[in-house]
Amino acid sequence: MALSSSVAVASASTVCPEARISDEVLDLVAIYEPDVNLAIWRGALQQCLGRKELWQLHNSLCALLTQQPGFRLGMMLPPEELLATLPSLLESSWPAELPGRSSLQEYLLTSVELFAGLFEPEAMALRLQSLRTAMCPRFHVDHVPVRLVSTLLGPATEWLPEYAVEREALGASAQEPCRDANAIQRMNRGDLALLKGEGWIGNQGAALVHRSPAVAGEPRLFLSIDFAKL
């Protein structure tokens, strides 16, 4: 299944965007439904790894970000080249004394394969980055077709259900886009999510409204995958 102009779409004015949250990876395909602007595979990291491997990876990521507070891994390639290159790039960036590299590699490759399989992009941009401050602290929408996000360490992305959104306040407005602070939702660490943006055909005015969480100086490791042009 690929994202293209042939995908059946509905006008954003005729649907009320909603989230689809599931423990099943196959339910990520719900992102193709016109009334869905967020699909979450809950506990993706935990499902990809065993309990022991998850605990080991968590400890190693904490150690990694202590050693390298500005850790960043990024690449932009066609899907098959990205899959082939990622292991060597990760090996060169990962401290030899830390266990868990194979577990992280497995999760990153799974994420790439999912994005490539769902959308068949010509090229993909992958970014795995340590964040010590909120990258996008204000509620906003992404001007992309769709973005894959996952937080491996620290607090995860926050988002708003549609009833709590004041869309007229998005962008340069000084007004707060959130109508009800009690309605703010937060993904869990280890979730894998697809965020539908304004660039998805037929989704103008219905993109997911979200923001980076406040981190208060604690380390956060954030994964994102986007469409790319080479």
Protein backbone atom coordinates (compact mmCIF):
# COMPACT_ATOMS: atom_id res chain seq x y z
CA MET A 1 0.00 0.00 0.00
CA ALA A 2 1.46 3.33 -1.03
CA LEU A 3 0.64 6.95 -0.36
CA SER A 4 -0.32 8.50 -3.69
CA SER A 5 -2.88 10.64 -5.42
CA SER A 6 -4.91 7.49 -6.03
CA VAL A 7 -5.66 7.05 -2.33
CA ALA A 8 -9.33 7.62 -1.56
CA VAL A 9 -9.66 10.76 0.52
CA ALA A 10 -12.43 12.82 2.05
CA SER A 11 -12.58 16.54 2.54
CA ALA A 12 -11.26 17.55 5.95
CA SER A 13 -14.46 19.51 6.52
CA THR A 14 -16.54 16.31 6.37
CA VAL A 15 -14.64 14.30 9.00
CA CYS A 16 -13.67 14.76 12.63
CA PRO A 17 -10.11 13.47 12.99
CA GLU A 18 -9.53 10.80 15.59
CA ALA A 19 -6.74 8.60 16.92
CA ARG A 20 -6.48 4.85 16.47
CA ILE A 21 -4.47 3.20 19.26
CA SER A 22 -3.73 -0.52 19.19
CA ASP A 23 -1.37 -3.17 20.53
CA GLU A 24 -1.22 -4.66 17.02
CA VAL A 25 1.28 -3.46 14.44
CA LEU A 26 -1.08 -4.28 11.56
CA ASP A 27 -3.53 -1.67 12.84
CA LEU A 28 -1.13 1.09 11.77
CA VAL A 29 -2.80 0.80 8.37
CA ALA A 30 -5.68 2.77 9.93
CA ILE A 31 -3.70 5.91 9.07
CA TYR A 32 -5.16 5.53 5.56
CA GLU A 33 -8.69 6.04 6.87
CA PRO A 34 -9.93 9.60 6.13
CA ASP A 35 -11.07 10.22 9.71
CA VAL A 36 -7.82 9.03 11.35
CA ASN A 37 -4.93 11.47 11.81
CA LEU A 38 -2.97 9.44 14.39
CA ALA A 39 -2.20 5.72 14.49
CA ILE A 40 -0.24 4.36 17.46
CA TRP A 41 1.31 0.91 17.81
CA ARG A 42 1.31 0.81 21.58
CA GLY A 43 4.37 -0.79 23.19
CA ALA A 44 6.18 -1.25 19.88
CA LEU A 45 9.66 -1.22 21.43
CA GLN A 46 8.65 -3.71 24.11
CA GLN A 47 7.11 -6.00 21.49
CA CYS A 48 10.18 -5.90 19.26
CA LEU A 49 12.54 -6.80 22.12
CA GLY A 50 12.44 -9.24 24.99
CA ARG A 51 12.21 -8.10 28.61
CA LYS A 52 15.93 -8.60 29.22
CA GLU A 53 16.92 -6.84 25.99
CA LEU A 54 14.60 -3.93 26.75
CA TRP A 55 16.08 -3.43 30.23
CA GLN A 56 19.61 -3.66 28.81
CA LEU A 57 18.87 -1.18 26.04
CA HIS A 58 17.33 1.31 28.47
CA ASN A 59 20.44 1.25 30.67
CA SER A 60 22.73 1.55 27.67
CA LEU A 61 20.80 4.50 26.23
CA CYS A 62 21.03 6.30 29.58
CA ALA A 63 24.80 5.69 29.57
CA LEU A 64 25.10 6.74 25.92
CA LEU A 65 23.41 10.09 26.50
CA THR A 66 25.57 10.67 29.57
CA GLN A 67 28.69 10.14 27.47
CA GLN A 68 27.33 11.95 24.40
CA PRO A 69 24.69 14.51 25.43
CA GLY A 70 24.42 15.72 21.86
CA PHE A 71 24.10 12.27 20.27
CA ARG A 72 22.58 12.40 16.80
CA LEU A 73 22.28 9.87 14.02
CA GLY A 74 20.78 10.91 10.71
CA MET A 75 20.60 9.67 7.15
CA MET A 76 18.61 10.31 3.97
CA LEU A 77 18.50 7.50 1.43
CA PRO A 78 16.19 5.31 -0.65
CA PRO A 79 14.63 2.66 1.61
CA GLU A 80 16.74 -0.29 0.46
CA GLU A 81 19.97 1.70 0.81
CA LEU A 82 18.93 3.01 4.22
CA LEU A 83 18.29 -0.53 5.44
CA ALA A 84 21.68 -1.66 4.14
CA THR A 85 23.62 1.31 5.53
CA LEU A 86 21.99 1.73 8.93
CA PRO A 87 23.81 -1.12 10.73
CA SER A 88 27.28 0.19 9.88
CA LEU A 89 26.36 3.78 10.71
CA LEU A 90 24.98 2.71 14.07
CA GLU A 91 28.06 0.60 14.78
CA SER A 92 30.34 3.55 14.14
CA SER A 93 28.27 5.77 16.47
CA TRP A 94 27.78 3.31 19.34
CA PRO A 95 30.39 3.02 22.14
CA ALA A 96 32.01 -0.41 21.94
CA GLU A 97 31.69 -1.02 25.69
CA LEU A 98 27.90 -0.61 25.76
CA PRO A 99 25.60 -3.59 25.12
CA GLY A 100 22.28 -3.20 23.36
CA ARG A 101 23.37 -2.02 19.92
CA SER A 102 21.79 -5.05 18.20
CA SER A 103 18.49 -4.36 20.01
CA LEU A 104 18.46 -0.72 18.93
CA GLN A 105 19.37 -1.76 15.41
CA GLU A 106 16.47 -4.22 15.31
CA TYR A 107 13.99 -1.54 16.35
CA LEU A 108 15.31 1.03 13.90
CA LEU A 109 15.22 -1.45 11.02
CA THR A 110 11.68 -2.47 11.97
CA SER A 111 10.62 1.19 11.95
CA VAL A 112 12.19 1.77 8.54
CA GLU A 113 10.59 -1.37 7.10
CA LEU A 114 7.17 -0.33 8.41
CA PHE A 115 7.37 3.16 6.93
CA ALA A 116 8.68 1.84 3.62
CA GLY A 117 6.06 -0.90 3.44
CA LEU A 118 3.14 1.38 4.22
CA PHE A 119 4.04 4.33 1.99
CA GLU A 120 6.64 3.15 -0.57
CA PRO A 121 8.64 6.42 -0.49
CA GLU A 122 11.35 7.04 -3.04
CA ALA A 123 13.60 8.18 -0.20
CA MET A 124 13.39 8.46 3.57
CA ALA A 125 14.95 10.73 6.17
CA LEU A 126 15.73 9.03 9.49
CA ARG A 127 16.77 10.98 12.56
CA LEU A 128 17.64 9.60 15.99
CA GLN A 129 18.47 12.50 18.25
CA SER A 130 19.12 13.33 21.88
CA LEU A 131 17.04 16.28 23.10
CA ARG A 132 17.61 18.19 26.33
CA THR A 133 14.96 20.82 25.67
CA ALA A 134 11.56 20.69 23.98
CA MET A 135 12.19 20.81 20.23
CA CYS A 136 8.69 22.11 19.40
CA PRO A 137 7.11 23.22 22.71
CA ARG A 138 4.02 24.88 21.18
CA PHE A 139 1.12 22.84 19.83
CA HIS A 140 1.39 22.72 16.05
CA VAL A 141 0.78 20.62 12.95
CA ASP A 142 3.36 19.18 10.57
CA HIS A 143 3.33 20.26 6.94
CA VAL A 144 4.27 16.80 5.68
CA PRO A 145 2.13 13.90 4.44
CA VAL A 146 2.89 11.67 7.42
CA ARG A 147 5.65 11.29 10.00
CA LEU A 148 6.73 8.28 12.06
CA VAL A 149 7.78 9.12 15.61
CA SER A 150 8.92 7.10 18.59
CA THR A 151 10.50 8.13 21.89
CA LEU A 152 13.04 5.61 23.15
CA LEU A 153 14.07 7.45 26.29
CA GLY A 154 12.42 10.19 28.31
CA PRO A 155 8.93 11.73 27.98
CA ALA A 156 7.07 11.16 24.71
CA THR A 157 5.13 13.36 22.28
CA GLU A 158 1.95 15.10 23.50
CA TRP A 159 -1.15 15.51 21.31
CA LEU A 160 -4.67 16.89 21.39
CA PRO A 161 -7.97 15.20 20.56
CA GLU A 162 -9.95 17.24 18.08
CA TYR A 163 -12.50 18.54 20.60
CA ALA A 164 -9.67 20.27 22.49
CA VAL A 165 -8.17 22.02 19.45
CA GLU A 166 -8.60 25.68 18.50
CA ARG A 167 -7.28 25.43 14.95
CA GLU A 168 -7.59 29.15 14.30
CA ALA A 169 -4.91 29.66 16.95
CA LEU A 170 -2.32 27.47 15.18
CA GLY A 171 0.69 29.09 13.57
CA ALA A 172 1.71 32.63 14.35
CA SER A 173 -1.26 33.42 16.58
CA ALA A 174 -0.51 34.32 20.19
CA GLN A 175 -3.65 32.47 21.23
CA GLU A 176 -3.22 29.01 22.80
CA PRO A 177 -4.39 26.24 20.41
CA CYS A 178 -5.36 24.02 23.36
CA ARG A 179 -8.92 24.58 24.56
CA ASP A 180 -8.64 22.24 27.55
CA ALA A 181 -5.34 21.45 29.28
CA ASN A 182 -6.97 18.45 30.92
CA ALA A 183 -7.48 16.91 27.48
CA ILE A 184 -3.76 16.76 26.60
CA GLN A 185 -2.73 13.20 25.74
CA ARG A 186 0.80 11.80 25.87
CA MET A 187 2.22 8.83 24.02
CA ASN A 188 4.18 6.29 26.03
CA ARG A 189 7.89 5.71 25.77
CA GLY A 190 8.35 2.88 23.30
CA ASP A 191 5.17 3.58 21.31
CA LEU A 192 5.50 3.93 17.54
CA ALA A 193 3.15 6.46 16.00
CA LEU A 194 2.18 7.73 12.56
CA LEU A 195 1.17 11.40 12.58
CA LYS A 196 -0.84 12.54 9.57
CA GLY A 197 0.13 16.05 8.48
CA GLU A 198 -1.24 18.87 6.34
CA GLY A 199 0.58 17.45 3.32
CA TRP A 200 -1.54 14.30 3.20
CA ILE A 201 -3.90 14.62 0.22
CA GLY A 202 -7.33 15.68 1.43
CA ASN A 203 -6.20 16.28 5.02
CA GLN A 204 -5.79 20.04 4.92
CA GLY A 205 -7.11 21.50 8.15
CA ALA A 206 -7.20 18.14 9.91
CA ALA A 207 -3.55 17.32 10.69
CA LEU A 208 -2.72 16.03 14.15
CA VAL A 209 -2.06 18.83 16.64
CA HIS A 210 0.89 17.90 18.85
CA ARG A 211 3.98 19.20 20.63
CA SER A 212 7.25 18.12 22.21
CA PRO A 213 6.99 17.45 25.95
CA ALA A 214 8.74 19.51 28.61
CA VAL A 215 11.89 17.59 29.53
CA ALA A 216 13.30 19.66 32.42
CA GLY A 217 16.84 18.72 31.52
CA GLU A 218 16.32 14.94 31.55
CA PRO A 219 17.68 13.07 28.52
CA ARG A 220 15.26 12.25 25.71
CA LEU A 221 16.04 10.11 22.67
CA PHE A 222 13.63 10.69 19.81
CA LEU A 223 13.23 8.84 16.50
CA SER A 224 11.52 10.32 13.45
CA ILE A 225 11.16 9.11 9.87
CA ASP A 226 9.92 11.30 7.01
CA PHE A 227 9.56 11.31 3.26
CA ALA A 228 12.64 12.77 1.60
CA LYS A 229 13.74 14.05 -1.80
CA LEU A 230 17.25 13.31 -3.01
